[in-house]
């Protein structure tokens, strides 16, 4: 059998920022992600089973080519808690799908460098 990526978990995701100090404040203090370590212009945070690398890119702003979505089955209480800590959401929480058992909800926001982040939650009905 030929090795492939099928069935493998993603263990690390990355975003770029222009100011590491501001990124530490946002990701650690505002979003409350545990900071694992910092090295060579990179910050590493734990987000469940996936490590988040926040790396310094002083030469330009990030693009909208990618986004990070946090698992948020508690989106209805998590969003107001983040707003109280200064997170500004782009629009009202959107219901993407309704089933007999849940609603799939999405709320988008950005970090200080413009990286797109989202809360995505299957909320029981």
PDB file of N, CA and C in Angstrom:
ATOM      1  N   UNK A   1       0.844  -1.181   0.000  1.00  0.00           N
ATOM      2  CA  UNK A   1       0.000   0.000   0.000  1.00  0.00           C
ATOM      3  C   UNK A   1       0.890   1.245   0.000  1.00  0.00           C
ATOM      4  N   UNK A   2       0.564   2.200  -0.831  1.00  0.00           N
ATOM      5  CA  UNK A   2       1.313   3.437  -0.927  1.00  0.00           C
ATOM      6  C   UNK A   2       0.917   4.388   0.206  1.00  0.00           C
ATOM      7  N   UNK A   3       1.886   4.924   0.937  1.00  0.00           N
ATOM      8  CA  UNK A   3       1.552   5.891   1.988  1.00  0.00           C
ATOM      9  C   UNK A   3       0.825   7.105   1.420  1.00  0.00           C
ATOM     10  N   UNK A   4      -0.130   7.623   2.184  1.00  0.00           N
ATOM     11  CA  UNK A   4      -0.864   8.808   1.747  1.00  0.00           C
ATOM     12  C   UNK A   4      -1.254   9.656   2.966  1.00  0.00           C
ATOM     13  N   UNK A   5      -1.913  10.735   2.728  1.00  0.00           N
ATOM     14  CA  UNK A   5      -2.387  11.598   3.803  1.00  0.00           C
ATOM     15  C   UNK A   5      -3.810  11.248   4.244  1.00  0.00           C
ATOM     16  N   UNK A   6      -4.439  10.320   3.573  1.00  0.00           N
ATOM     17  CA  UNK A   6      -5.808   9.934   3.914  1.00  0.00           C
ATOM     18  C   UNK A   6      -5.897   9.469   5.364  1.00  0.00           C
ATOM     19  N   UNK A   7      -6.843  10.023   6.106  1.00  0.00           N
ATOM     20  CA  UNK A   7      -7.075   9.615   7.486  1.00  0.00           C
ATOM     21  C   UNK A   7      -6.149  10.232   8.516  1.00  0.00           C
ATOM     22  N   UNK A   8      -5.223  11.064   8.093  1.00  0.00           N
ATOM     23  CA  UNK A   8      -4.290  11.684   9.042  1.00  0.00           C
ATOM     24  C   UNK A   8      -4.886  12.962   9.611  1.00  0.00           C
ATOM     25  N   UNK A   9      -4.579  13.243  10.854  1.00  0.00           N
ATOM     26  CA  UNK A   9      -5.008  14.473  11.495  1.00  0.00           C
ATOM     27  C   UNK A   9      -4.039  15.597  11.179  1.00  0.00           C
ATOM     28  N   UNK A  10      -4.543  16.815  11.141  1.00  0.00           N
ATOM     29  CA  UNK A  10      -3.678  17.988  11.067  1.00  0.00           C
ATOM     30  C   UNK A  10      -3.205  18.261  12.487  1.00  0.00           C
ATOM     31  N   UNK A  11      -1.896  18.404  12.682  1.00  0.00           N
ATOM     32  CA  UNK A  11      -1.345  18.613  14.021  1.00  0.00           C
ATOM     33  C   UNK A  11      -0.932  20.058  14.278  1.00  0.00           C
ATOM     34  N   UNK A  12      -0.788  20.849  13.193  1.00  0.00           N
ATOM     35  CA  UNK A  12      -0.397  22.240  13.383  1.00  0.00           C
ATOM     36  C   UNK A  12      -0.952  23.079  12.245  1.00  0.00           C
ATOM     37  N   UNK A  13      -1.441  24.250  12.577  1.00  0.00           N
ATOM     38  CA  UNK A  13      -1.888  25.238  11.597  1.00  0.00           C
ATOM     39  C   UNK A  13      -1.085  26.503  11.858  1.00  0.00           C
ATOM     40  N   UNK A  14      -0.970  27.365  10.847  1.00  0.00           N
ATOM     41  CA  UNK A  14      -0.149  28.563  11.006  1.00  0.00           C
ATOM     42  C   UNK A  14      -0.841  29.782  10.425  1.00  0.00           C
ATOM     43  N   UNK A  15      -0.605  30.929  11.071  1.00  0.00           N
ATOM     44  CA  UNK A  15      -1.003  32.233  10.549  1.00  0.00           C
ATOM     45  C   UNK A  15       0.185  33.170  10.705  1.00  0.00           C
ATOM     46  N   UNK A  16       0.218  34.205   9.874  1.00  0.00           N
ATOM     47  CA  UNK A  16       1.302  35.177   9.984  1.00  0.00           C
ATOM     48  C   UNK A  16       0.772  36.487  10.550  1.00  0.00           C
ATOM     49  N   UNK A  17       1.646  37.180  11.264  1.00  0.00           N
ATOM     50  CA  UNK A  17       1.313  38.464  11.880  1.00  0.00           C
ATOM     51  C   UNK A  17       2.477  39.422  11.666  1.00  0.00           C
ATOM     52  N   UNK A  18       2.242  40.703  11.939  1.00  0.00           N
ATOM     53  CA  UNK A  18       3.304  41.693  11.780  1.00  0.00           C
ATOM     54  C   UNK A  18       3.867  42.171  13.112  1.00  0.00           C
ATOM     55  N   UNK A  19       3.231  41.780  14.233  1.00  0.00           N
ATOM     56  CA  UNK A  19       3.662  42.229  15.549  1.00  0.00           C
ATOM     57  C   UNK A  19       3.446  41.101  16.555  1.00  0.00           C
ATOM     58  N   UNK A  20       4.533  40.467  16.997  1.00  0.00           N
ATOM     59  CA  UNK A  20       4.408  39.327  17.919  1.00  0.00           C
ATOM     60  C   UNK A  20       3.840  39.723  19.275  1.00  0.00           C
ATOM     61  N   UNK A  21       4.220  40.887  19.784  1.00  0.00           N
ATOM     62  CA  UNK A  21       3.687  41.327  21.069  1.00  0.00           C
ATOM     63  C   UNK A  21       2.185  41.485  21.040  1.00  0.00           C
ATOM     64  N   UNK A  22       1.700  42.090  19.982  1.00  0.00           N
ATOM     65  CA  UNK A  22       0.255  42.260  19.816  1.00  0.00           C
ATOM     66  C   UNK A  22      -0.424  40.903  19.646  1.00  0.00           C
ATOM     67  N   UNK A  23       0.240  39.971  18.938  1.00  0.00           N
ATOM     68  CA  UNK A  23      -0.316  38.635  18.737  1.00  0.00           C
ATOM     69  C   UNK A  23      -0.404  37.865  20.048  1.00  0.00           C
ATOM     70  N   UNK A  24       0.628  37.968  20.893  1.00  0.00           N
ATOM     71  CA  UNK A  24       0.580  37.302  22.208  1.00  0.00           C
ATOM     72  C   UNK A  24      -0.611  37.826  22.993  1.00  0.00           C
ATOM     73  N   UNK A  25      -0.765  39.127  23.002  1.00  0.00           N
ATOM     74  CA  UNK A  25      -1.866  39.733  23.743  1.00  0.00           C
ATOM     75  C   UNK A  25      -3.217  39.231  23.239  1.00  0.00           C
ATOM     76  N   UNK A  26      -3.385  39.145  21.943  1.00  0.00           N
ATOM     77  CA  UNK A  26      -4.662  38.720  21.384  1.00  0.00           C
ATOM     78  C   UNK A  26      -4.910  37.228  21.594  1.00  0.00           C
ATOM     79  N   UNK A  27      -3.977  36.390  21.150  1.00  0.00           N
ATOM     80  CA  UNK A  27      -4.206  34.943  21.195  1.00  0.00           C
ATOM     81  C   UNK A  27      -4.167  34.385  22.625  1.00  0.00           C
ATOM     82  N   UNK A  28      -3.255  34.861  23.451  1.00  0.00           N
ATOM     83  CA  UNK A  28      -3.147  34.357  24.824  1.00  0.00           C
ATOM     84  C   UNK A  28      -4.134  35.055  25.756  1.00  0.00           C
ATOM     85  N   UNK A  29      -4.144  36.381  25.737  1.00  0.00           N
ATOM     86  CA  UNK A  29      -4.925  37.123  26.727  1.00  0.00           C
ATOM     87  C   UNK A  29      -6.391  37.296  26.336  1.00  0.00           C
ATOM     88  N   UNK A  30      -6.653  37.577  25.065  1.00  0.00           N
ATOM     89  CA  UNK A  30      -8.037  37.793  24.639  1.00  0.00           C
ATOM     90  C   UNK A  30      -8.747  36.483  24.340  1.00  0.00           C
ATOM     91  N   UNK A  31      -8.105  35.595  23.542  1.00  0.00           N
ATOM     92  CA  UNK A  31      -8.732  34.316  23.205  1.00  0.00           C
ATOM     93  C   UNK A  31      -8.468  33.240  24.248  1.00  0.00           C
ATOM     94  N   UNK A  32      -7.533  33.495  25.170  1.00  0.00           N
ATOM     95  CA  UNK A  32      -7.197  32.569  26.266  1.00  0.00           C
ATOM     96  C   UNK A  32      -6.619  31.232  25.789  1.00  0.00           C
ATOM     97  N   UNK A  33      -5.850  31.261  24.701  1.00  0.00           N
ATOM     98  CA  UNK A  33      -5.168  30.049  24.243  1.00  0.00           C
ATOM     99  C   UNK A  33      -3.875  29.889  25.032  1.00  0.00           C
ATOM    100  N   UNK A  34      -3.569  28.679  25.495  1.00  0.00           N
ATOM    101  CA  UNK A  34      -2.324  28.460  26.225  1.00  0.00           C
ATOM    102  C   UNK A  34      -1.109  28.643  25.309  1.00  0.00           C
ATOM    103  N   UNK A  35      -0.187  29.516  25.718  1.00  0.00           N
ATOM    104  CA  UNK A  35       1.059  29.720  24.987  1.00  0.00           C
ATOM    105  C   UNK A  35       2.035  28.638  25.414  1.00  0.00           C
ATOM    106  N   UNK A  36       2.454  27.811  24.453  1.00  0.00           N
ATOM    107  CA  UNK A  36       3.386  26.721  24.746  1.00  0.00           C
ATOM    108  C   UNK A  36       4.818  27.236  24.833  1.00  0.00           C
ATOM    109  N   UNK A  37       5.242  27.967  23.790  1.00  0.00           N
ATOM    110  CA  UNK A  37       6.590  28.524  23.777  1.00  0.00           C
ATOM    111  C   UNK A  37       6.724  29.517  22.635  1.00  0.00           C
ATOM    112  N   UNK A  38       7.810  30.286  22.676  1.00  0.00           N
ATOM    113  CA  UNK A  38       8.141  31.267  21.643  1.00  0.00           C
ATOM    114  C   UNK A  38       9.576  31.024  21.215  1.00  0.00           C
ATOM    115  N   UNK A  39       9.827  31.048  19.902  1.00  0.00           N
ATOM    116  CA  UNK A  39      11.181  30.882  19.401  1.00  0.00           C
ATOM    117  C   UNK A  39      11.299  31.451  17.993  1.00  0.00           C
ATOM    118  N   UNK A  40      12.378  32.141  17.731  1.00  0.00           N
ATOM    119  CA  UNK A  40      12.728  32.602  16.383  1.00  0.00           C
ATOM    120  C   UNK A  40      11.578  33.278  15.642  1.00  0.00           C
ATOM    121  N   UNK A  41      10.882  34.197  16.289  1.00  0.00           N
ATOM    122  CA  UNK A  41       9.790  34.907  15.631  1.00  0.00           C
ATOM    123  C   UNK A  41       8.519  34.099  15.477  1.00  0.00           C
ATOM    124  N   UNK A  42       8.377  33.048  16.272  1.00  0.00           N
ATOM    125  CA  UNK A  42       7.187  32.208  16.206  1.00  0.00           C
ATOM    126  C   UNK A  42       6.637  31.963  17.603  1.00  0.00           C
ATOM    127  N   UNK A  43       5.313  31.987  17.707  1.00  0.00           N
ATOM    128  CA  UNK A  43       4.604  31.666  18.940  1.00  0.00           C
ATOM    129  C   UNK A  43       3.840  30.368  18.698  1.00  0.00           C
ATOM    130  N   UNK A  44       3.812  29.493  19.690  1.00  0.00           N
ATOM    131  CA  UNK A  44       3.094  28.231  19.563  1.00  0.00           C
ATOM    132  C   UNK A  44       2.045  28.144  20.663  1.00  0.00           C
ATOM    133  N   UNK A  45       0.775  27.989  20.255  1.00  0.00           N
ATOM    134  CA  UNK A  45      -0.346  27.898  21.176  1.00  0.00           C
ATOM    135  C   UNK A  45      -0.996  26.525  21.042  1.00  0.00           C
ATOM    136  N   UNK A  46      -1.623  26.050  22.121  1.00  0.00           N
ATOM    137  CA  UNK A  46      -2.347  24.787  22.066  1.00  0.00           C
ATOM    138  C   UNK A  46      -3.821  25.072  21.850  1.00  0.00           C
ATOM    139  N   UNK A  47      -4.407  24.419  20.865  1.00  0.00           N
ATOM    140  CA  UNK A  47      -5.830  24.558  20.565  1.00  0.00           C
ATOM    141  C   UNK A  47      -6.440  23.169  20.437  1.00  0.00           C
ATOM    142  N   UNK A  48      -6.708  22.524  21.559  1.00  0.00           N
ATOM    143  CA  UNK A  48      -7.204  21.147  21.513  1.00  0.00           C
ATOM    144  C   UNK A  48      -6.083  20.236  21.065  1.00  0.00           C
ATOM    145  N   UNK A  49      -6.326  19.473  20.013  1.00  0.00           N
ATOM    146  CA  UNK A  49      -5.315  18.546  19.504  1.00  0.00           C
ATOM    147  C   UNK A  49      -4.402  19.169  18.456  1.00  0.00           C
ATOM    148  N   UNK A  50      -4.644  20.409  18.091  1.00  0.00           N
ATOM    149  CA  UNK A  50      -3.871  21.070  17.038  1.00  0.00           C
ATOM    150  C   UNK A  50      -3.089  22.234  17.628  1.00  0.00           C
ATOM    151  N   UNK A  51      -1.810  22.293  17.291  1.00  0.00           N
ATOM    152  CA  UNK A  51      -0.954  23.403  17.693  1.00  0.00           C
ATOM    153  C   UNK A  51      -1.157  24.544  16.688  1.00  0.00           C
ATOM    154  N   UNK A  52      -1.198  25.763  17.176  1.00  0.00           N
ATOM    155  CA  UNK A  52      -1.306  26.936  16.318  1.00  0.00           C
ATOM    156  C   UNK A  52       0.016  27.679  16.343  1.00  0.00           C
ATOM    157  N   UNK A  53       0.651  27.788  15.175  1.00  0.00           N
ATOM    158  CA  UNK A  53       1.885  28.554  15.021  1.00  0.00           C
ATOM    159  C   UNK A  53       1.492  29.946  14.544  1.00  0.00           C
ATOM    160  N   UNK A  54       1.868  30.964  15.303  1.00  0.00           N
ATOM    161  CA  UNK A  54       1.659  32.350  14.909  1.00  0.00           C
ATOM    162  C   UNK A  54       3.050  32.901  14.636  1.00  0.00           C
ATOM    163  N   UNK A  55       3.328  33.165  13.355  1.00  0.00           N
ATOM    164  CA  UNK A  55       4.676  33.542  12.961  1.00  0.00           C
ATOM    165  C   UNK A  55       4.785  34.969  12.466  1.00  0.00           C
ATOM    166  N   UNK A  56       5.931  35.553  12.705  1.00  0.00           N
ATOM    167  CA  UNK A  56       6.202  36.934  12.322  1.00  0.00           C
ATOM    168  C   UNK A  56       6.447  37.046  10.824  1.00  0.00           C
ATOM    169  N   UNK A  57       5.706  37.939  10.186  1.00  0.00           N
ATOM    170  CA  UNK A  57       5.911  38.290   8.790  1.00  0.00           C
ATOM    171  C   UNK A  57       5.838  39.810   8.713  1.00  0.00           C
ATOM    172  N   UNK A  58       6.937  40.491   9.008  1.00  0.00           N
ATOM    173  CA  UNK A  58       6.909  41.955   9.074  1.00  0.00           C
ATOM    174  C   UNK A  58       6.774  42.633   7.721  1.00  0.00           C
ATOM    175  N   UNK A  59       6.820  41.868   6.623  1.00  0.00           N
ATOM    176  CA  UNK A  59       6.844  42.470   5.290  1.00  0.00           C
ATOM    177  C   UNK A  59       5.483  42.611   4.636  1.00  0.00           C
ATOM    178  N   UNK A  60       4.446  42.131   5.265  1.00  0.00           N
ATOM    179  CA  UNK A  60       3.145  42.277   4.620  1.00  0.00           C
ATOM    180  C   UNK A  60       2.026  41.678   5.434  1.00  0.00           C
ATOM    181  N   UNK A  61       0.856  42.105   5.084  1.00  0.00           N
ATOM    182  CA  UNK A  61      -0.338  41.627   5.763  1.00  0.00           C
ATOM    183  C   UNK A  61      -0.706  40.238   5.257  1.00  0.00           C
ATOM    184  N   UNK A  62      -1.361  39.472   6.079  1.00  0.00           N
ATOM    185  CA  UNK A  62      -1.829  38.158   5.650  1.00  0.00           C
ATOM    186  C   UNK A  62      -2.900  38.297   4.571  1.00  0.00           C
ATOM    187  N   UNK A  63      -3.202  37.201   3.920  1.00  0.00           N
ATOM    188  CA  UNK A  63      -4.248  37.218   2.905  1.00  0.00           C
ATOM    189  C   UNK A  63      -5.495  36.535   3.447  1.00  0.00           C
ATOM    190  N   UNK A  64      -6.583  36.668   2.715  1.00  0.00           N
ATOM    191  CA  UNK A  64      -7.818  35.982   3.088  1.00  0.00           C
ATOM    192  C   UNK A  64      -7.880  34.585   2.476  1.00  0.00           C
ATOM    193  N   UNK A  65      -6.749  34.063   2.054  1.00  0.00           N
ATOM    194  CA  UNK A  65      -6.736  32.762   1.403  1.00  0.00           C
ATOM    195  C   UNK A  65      -7.033  31.617   2.360  1.00  0.00           C
ATOM    196  N   UNK A  66      -6.931  31.861   3.653  1.00  0.00           N
ATOM    197  CA  UNK A  66      -7.192  30.798   4.610  1.00  0.00           C
ATOM    198  C   UNK A  66      -7.887  31.364   5.835  1.00  0.00           C
ATOM    199  N   UNK A  67      -8.434  30.459   6.641  1.00  0.00           N
ATOM    200  CA  UNK A  67      -9.108  30.861   7.878  1.00  0.00           C
ATOM    201  C   UNK A  67      -8.998  29.723   8.874  1.00  0.00           C
ATOM    202  N   UNK A  68      -9.057  30.058  10.153  1.00  0.00           N
ATOM    203  CA  UNK A  68      -9.074  29.065  11.220  1.00  0.00           C
ATOM    204  C   UNK A  68     -10.447  29.087  11.866  1.00  0.00           C
ATOM    205  N   UNK A  69     -11.021  27.909  12.064  1.00  0.00           N
ATOM    206  CA  UNK A  69     -12.336  27.799  12.693  1.00  0.00           C
ATOM    207  C   UNK A  69     -12.178  27.016  13.987  1.00  0.00           C
ATOM    208  N   UNK A  70     -12.626  27.602  15.094  1.00  0.00           N
ATOM    209  CA  UNK A  70     -12.564  26.955  16.396  1.00  0.00           C
ATOM    210  C   UNK A  70     -13.881  26.224  16.662  1.00  0.00           C
ATOM    211  N   UNK A  71     -13.789  24.997  17.153  1.00  0.00           N
ATOM    212  CA  UNK A  71     -14.958  24.213  17.523  1.00  0.00           C
ATOM    213  C   UNK A  71     -15.691  24.929  18.648  1.00  0.00           C
ATOM    214  N   UNK A  72     -16.960  25.250  18.444  1.00  0.00           N
ATOM    215  CA  UNK A  72     -17.681  26.053  19.424  1.00  0.00           C
ATOM    216  C   UNK A  72     -19.140  25.610  19.569  1.00  0.00           C
ATOM    217  N   UNK A  73     -19.364  24.438  20.153  1.00  0.00           N
ATOM    218  CA  UNK A  73     -20.753  24.045  20.393  1.00  0.00           C
ATOM    219  C   UNK A  73     -21.442  24.970  21.391  1.00  0.00           C
ATOM    220  N   UNK A  74     -20.653  25.753  22.114  1.00  0.00           N
ATOM    221  CA  UNK A  74     -21.165  26.745  23.066  1.00  0.00           C
ATOM    222  C   UNK A  74     -21.116  28.162  22.484  1.00  0.00           C
ATOM    223  N   UNK A  75     -21.258  28.285  21.186  1.00  0.00           N
ATOM    224  CA  UNK A  75     -21.115  29.558  20.483  1.00  0.00           C
ATOM    225  C   UNK A  75     -22.012  30.652  21.061  1.00  0.00           C
ATOM    226  N   UNK A  76     -23.197  30.283  21.541  1.00  0.00           N
ATOM    227  CA  UNK A  76     -24.135  31.285  22.050  1.00  0.00           C
ATOM    228  C   UNK A  76     -23.664  31.936  23.349  1.00  0.00           C
ATOM    229  N   UNK A  77     -22.798  31.278  24.096  1.00  0.00           N
ATOM    230  CA  UNK A  77     -22.215  31.893  25.294  1.00  0.00           C
ATOM    231  C   UNK A  77     -20.766  32.317  25.060  1.00  0.00           C
ATOM    232  N   UNK A  78     -20.065  31.625  24.156  1.00  0.00           N
ATOM    233  CA  UNK A  78     -18.670  31.967  23.873  1.00  0.00           C
ATOM    234  C   UNK A  78     -18.558  33.309  23.160  1.00  0.00           C
ATOM    235  N   UNK A  79     -19.403  33.551  22.192  1.00  0.00           N
ATOM    236  CA  UNK A  79     -19.323  34.818  21.454  1.00  0.00           C
ATOM    237  C   UNK A  79     -19.447  36.025  22.389  1.00  0.00           C
ATOM    238  N   UNK A  80     -20.478  36.100  23.251  1.00  0.00           N
ATOM    239  CA  UNK A  80     -20.558  37.261  24.147  1.00  0.00           C
ATOM    240  C   UNK A  80     -19.355  37.377  25.089  1.00  0.00           C
ATOM    241  N   UNK A  81     -18.790  36.244  25.516  1.00  0.00           N
ATOM    242  CA  UNK A  81     -17.610  36.291  26.389  1.00  0.00           C
ATOM    243  C   UNK A  81     -16.422  36.887  25.649  1.00  0.00           C
ATOM    244  N   UNK A  82     -16.242  36.518  24.384  1.00  0.00           N
ATOM    245  CA  UNK A  82     -15.146  37.080  23.590  1.00  0.00           C
ATOM    246  C   UNK A  82     -15.394  38.555  23.285  1.00  0.00           C
ATOM    247  N   UNK A  83     -16.635  38.916  23.018  1.00  0.00           N
ATOM    248  CA  UNK A  83     -16.957  40.325  22.779  1.00  0.00           C
ATOM    249  C   UNK A  83     -16.640  41.163  24.015  1.00  0.00           C
ATOM    250  N   UNK A  84     -16.898  40.612  25.194  1.00  0.00           N
ATOM    251  CA  UNK A  84     -16.598  41.333  26.436  1.00  0.00           C
ATOM    252  C   UNK A  84     -15.097  41.553  26.599  1.00  0.00           C
ATOM    253  N   UNK A  85     -14.270  40.721  25.957  1.00  0.00           N
ATOM    254  CA  UNK A  85     -12.817  40.879  26.016  1.00  0.00           C
ATOM    255  C   UNK A  85     -12.284  41.673  24.821  1.00  0.00           C
ATOM    256  N   UNK A  86     -13.181  42.252  24.023  1.00  0.00           N
ATOM    257  CA  UNK A  86     -12.754  43.131  22.944  1.00  0.00           C
ATOM    258  C   UNK A  86     -12.776  42.555  21.547  1.00  0.00           C
ATOM    259  N   UNK A  87     -13.196  41.310  21.366  1.00  0.00           N
ATOM    260  CA  UNK A  87     -13.271  40.737  20.023  1.00  0.00           C
ATOM    261  C   UNK A  87     -14.458  41.361  19.298  1.00  0.00           C
ATOM    262  N   UNK A  88     -14.211  41.822  18.063  1.00  0.00           N
ATOM    263  CA  UNK A  88     -15.257  42.420  17.249  1.00  0.00           C
ATOM    264  C   UNK A  88     -15.622  41.431  16.142  1.00  0.00           C
ATOM    265  N   UNK A  89     -16.860  40.998  16.132  1.00  0.00           N
ATOM    266  CA  UNK A  89     -17.321  40.050  15.125  1.00  0.00           C
ATOM    267  C   UNK A  89     -17.785  40.800  13.888  1.00  0.00           C
ATOM    268  N   UNK A  90     -17.638  40.161  12.726  1.00  0.00           N
ATOM    269  CA  UNK A  90     -17.930  40.818  11.462  1.00  0.00           C
ATOM    270  C   UNK A  90     -19.423  40.986  11.212  1.00  0.00           C
ATOM    271  N   UNK A  91     -20.228  40.082  11.726  1.00  0.00           N
ATOM    272  CA  UNK A  91     -21.673  40.157  11.525  1.00  0.00           C
ATOM    273  C   UNK A  91     -22.358  39.267  12.544  1.00  0.00           C
ATOM    274  N   UNK A  92     -23.666  39.228  12.469  1.00  0.00           N
ATOM    275  CA  UNK A  92     -24.431  38.383  13.393  1.00  0.00           C
ATOM    276  C   UNK A  92     -24.064  36.910  13.178  1.00  0.00           C
ATOM    277  N   UNK A  93     -24.222  36.112  14.213  1.00  0.00           N
ATOM    278  CA  UNK A  93     -24.001  34.674  14.090  1.00  0.00           C
ATOM    279  C   UNK A  93     -24.961  34.123  13.041  1.00  0.00           C
ATOM    280  N   UNK A  94     -24.410  33.347  12.116  1.00  0.00           N
ATOM    281  CA  UNK A  94     -25.192  32.802  11.007  1.00  0.00           C
ATOM    282  C   UNK A  94     -25.500  31.327  11.252  1.00  0.00           C
ATOM    283  N   UNK A  95     -26.713  30.931  10.966  1.00  0.00           N
ATOM    284  CA  UNK A  95     -27.084  29.520  11.017  1.00  0.00           C
ATOM    285  C   UNK A  95     -26.874  28.963   9.608  1.00  0.00           C
ATOM    286  N   UNK A  96     -25.897  28.059   9.467  1.00  0.00           N
ATOM    287  CA  UNK A  96     -25.548  27.510   8.161  1.00  0.00           C
ATOM    288  C   UNK A  96     -26.414  26.309   7.794  1.00  0.00           C
ATOM    289  N   UNK A  97     -26.842  25.566   8.811  1.00  0.00           N
ATOM    290  CA  UNK A  97     -27.601  24.343   8.567  1.00  0.00           C
ATOM    291  C   UNK A  97     -28.497  24.069   9.765  1.00  0.00           C
ATOM    292  N   UNK A  98     -29.700  23.580   9.500  1.00  0.00           N
ATOM    293  CA  UNK A  98     -30.618  23.158  10.560  1.00  0.00           C
ATOM    294  C   UNK A  98     -31.005  21.715  10.299  1.00  0.00           C
ATOM    295  N   UNK A  99     -30.927  20.907  11.343  1.00  0.00           N
ATOM    296  CA  UNK A  99     -31.400  19.529  11.257  1.00  0.00           C
ATOM    297  C   UNK A  99     -32.372  19.310  12.418  1.00  0.00           C
ATOM    298  N   UNK A 100     -32.861  18.102  12.531  1.00  0.00           N
ATOM    299  CA  UNK A 100     -33.770  17.788  13.633  1.00  0.00           C
ATOM    300  C   UNK A 100     -33.050  17.806  14.977  1.00  0.00           C
ATOM    301  N   UNK A 101     -31.725  17.674  14.971  1.00  0.00           N
ATOM    302  CA  UNK A 101     -30.983  17.563  16.229  1.00  0.00           C
ATOM    303  C   UNK A 101     -30.089  18.759  16.551  1.00  0.00           C
ATOM    304  N   UNK A 102     -29.724  19.550  15.531  1.00  0.00           N
ATOM    305  CA  UNK A 102     -28.794  20.654  15.807  1.00  0.00           C
ATOM    306  C   UNK A 102     -28.884  21.763  14.758  1.00  0.00           C
ATOM    307  N   UNK A 103     -28.270  22.880  15.101  1.00  0.00           N
ATOM    308  CA  UNK A 103     -28.033  23.958  14.157  1.00  0.00           C
ATOM    309  C   UNK A 103     -26.520  24.136  14.055  1.00  0.00           C
ATOM    310  N   UNK A 104     -26.023  24.279  12.844  1.00  0.00           N
ATOM    311  CA  UNK A 104     -24.607  24.576  12.631  1.00  0.00           C
ATOM    312  C   UNK A 104     -24.487  26.091  12.517  1.00  0.00           C
ATOM    313  N   UNK A 105     -23.777  26.705  13.507  1.00  0.00           N
ATOM    314  CA  UNK A 105     -23.679  28.160  13.581  1.00  0.00           C
ATOM    315  C   UNK A 105     -22.245  28.623  13.337  1.00  0.00           C
ATOM    316  N   UNK A 106     -22.123  29.808  12.723  1.00  0.00           N
ATOM    317  CA  UNK A 106     -20.827  30.384  12.388  1.00  0.00           C
ATOM    318  C   UNK A 106     -20.801  31.853  12.789  1.00  0.00           C
ATOM    319  N   UNK A 107     -19.711  32.272  13.420  1.00  0.00           N
ATOM    320  CA  UNK A 107     -19.467  33.683  13.740  1.00  0.00           C
ATOM    321  C   UNK A 107     -18.015  33.992  13.391  1.00  0.00           C
ATOM    322  N   UNK A 108     -17.795  35.000  12.557  1.00  0.00           N
ATOM    323  CA  UNK A 108     -16.453  35.329  12.068  1.00  0.00           C
ATOM    324  C   UNK A 108     -15.902  36.584  12.733  1.00  0.00           C
ATOM    325  N   UNK A 109     -14.574  36.576  12.949  1.00  0.00           N
ATOM    326  CA  UNK A 109     -13.871  37.743  13.482  1.00  0.00           C
ATOM    327  C   UNK A 109     -12.451  37.713  12.956  1.00  0.00           C
ATOM    328  N   UNK A 110     -11.677  38.733  13.253  1.00  0.00           N
ATOM    329  CA  UNK A 110     -10.299  38.813  12.766  1.00  0.00           C
ATOM    330  C   UNK A 110      -9.351  39.105  13.922  1.00  0.00           C
ATOM    331  N   UNK A 111      -8.120  38.632  13.745  1.00  0.00           N
ATOM    332  CA  UNK A 111      -7.093  38.996  14.723  1.00  0.00           C
ATOM    333  C   UNK A 111      -6.580  40.398  14.376  1.00  0.00           C
ATOM    334  N   UNK A 112      -5.702  40.981  15.187  1.00  0.00           N
ATOM    335  CA  UNK A 112      -5.242  42.349  14.909  1.00  0.00           C
ATOM    336  C   UNK A 112      -4.536  42.534  13.572  1.00  0.00           C
ATOM    337  N   UNK A 113      -4.057  41.447  12.948  1.00  0.00           N
ATOM    338  CA  UNK A 113      -3.410  41.551  11.643  1.00  0.00           C
ATOM    339  C   UNK A 113      -4.351  41.256  10.488  1.00  0.00           C
ATOM    340  N   UNK A 114      -5.623  40.998  10.785  1.00  0.00           N
ATOM    341  CA  UNK A 114      -6.595  40.752   9.730  1.00  0.00           C
ATOM    342  C   UNK A 114      -6.798  39.299   9.363  1.00  0.00           C
ATOM    343  N   UNK A 115      -6.142  38.366  10.068  1.00  0.00           N
ATOM    344  CA  UNK A 115      -6.373  36.950   9.802  1.00  0.00           C
ATOM    345  C   UNK A 115      -7.814  36.605  10.160  1.00  0.00           C
ATOM    346  N   UNK A 116      -8.483  35.878   9.272  1.00  0.00           N
ATOM    347  CA  UNK A 116      -9.871  35.496   9.489  1.00  0.00           C
ATOM    348  C   UNK A 116      -9.945  34.305  10.433  1.00  0.00           C
ATOM    349  N   UNK A 117     -10.735  34.455  11.493  1.00  0.00           N
ATOM    350  CA  UNK A 117     -10.958  33.409  12.481  1.00  0.00           C
ATOM    351  C   UNK A 117     -12.462  33.222  12.621  1.00  0.00           C
ATOM    352  N   UNK A 118     -12.868  32.035  13.030  1.00  0.00           N
ATOM    353  CA  UNK A 118     -14.289  31.806  13.180  1.00  0.00           C
ATOM    354  C   UNK A 118     -14.606  30.859  14.313  1.00  0.00           C
ATOM    355  N   UNK A 119     -15.810  31.012  14.827  1.00  0.00           N
ATOM    356  CA  UNK A 119     -16.386  30.045  15.754  1.00  0.00           C
ATOM    357  C   UNK A 119     -17.364  29.235  14.941  1.00  0.00           C
ATOM    358  N   UNK A 120     -17.260  27.911  15.007  1.00  0.00           N
ATOM    359  CA  UNK A 120     -18.141  27.029  14.244  1.00  0.00           C
ATOM    360  C   UNK A 120     -18.682  25.998  15.211  1.00  0.00           C
ATOM    361  N   UNK A 121     -19.985  26.003  15.431  1.00  0.00           N
ATOM    362  CA  UNK A 121     -20.528  25.117  16.441  1.00  0.00           C
ATOM    363  C   UNK A 121     -21.786  24.402  16.027  1.00  0.00           C
ATOM    364  N   UNK A 122     -21.826  23.108  16.310  1.00  0.00           N
ATOM    365  CA  UNK A 122     -23.064  22.340  16.190  1.00  0.00           C
ATOM    366  C   UNK A 122     -23.782  22.451  17.519  1.00  0.00           C
ATOM    367  N   UNK A 123     -24.870  23.207  17.526  1.00  0.00           N
ATOM    368  CA  UNK A 123     -25.599  23.503  18.736  1.00  0.00           C
ATOM    369  C   UNK A 123     -26.874  22.661  18.772  1.00  0.00           C
ATOM    370  N   UNK A 124     -27.021  21.834  19.821  1.00  0.00           N
ATOM    371  CA  UNK A 124     -28.232  21.029  19.923  1.00  0.00           C
ATOM    372  C   UNK A 124     -29.491  21.908  19.971  1.00  0.00           C
ATOM    373  N   UNK A 125     -30.560  21.423  19.352  1.00  0.00           N
ATOM    374  CA  UNK A 125     -31.824  22.179  19.389  1.00  0.00           C
ATOM    375  C   UNK A 125     -32.785  21.566  20.386  1.00  0.00           C
TER     376      UNK A 125
END
